[in-house]
């Protein structure tokens, strides 16, 4: 919803409302994904998991492949464009609360249904 929101006509009022509720949450999750993958997981996998030059080359090729670049590198750019640039409204305390409720719902879903 957040990715499509800047391109939707104004007649889609309900989707804009959902986008406004999810703005902060989208930005936070994209930032966490970007930070954890690029500065924690990727270096550890490269150093500890790739013990030969061939494995290191394959991992670098995999890491800079189209899918991972879209998911882990450009994700933060898209999130900034869709949450900060597309909406002139500043974040408020309500955005934090909406993000916490979304986090709680996701956690409950994961623990009750996915675990």
Foldseek 3Di string as FASTA:
>chain_A
DLLCVLVDDCVPVVVVVVNLLCLVLQLVVLVVLQCCVPPPVLVCCLPPVDPDPVSNVVSVCVCPDPVNCVRHVCSNVSSCCSRPVSDPDDDDVSSVVSNVVVVVVVVCCCVVPVD
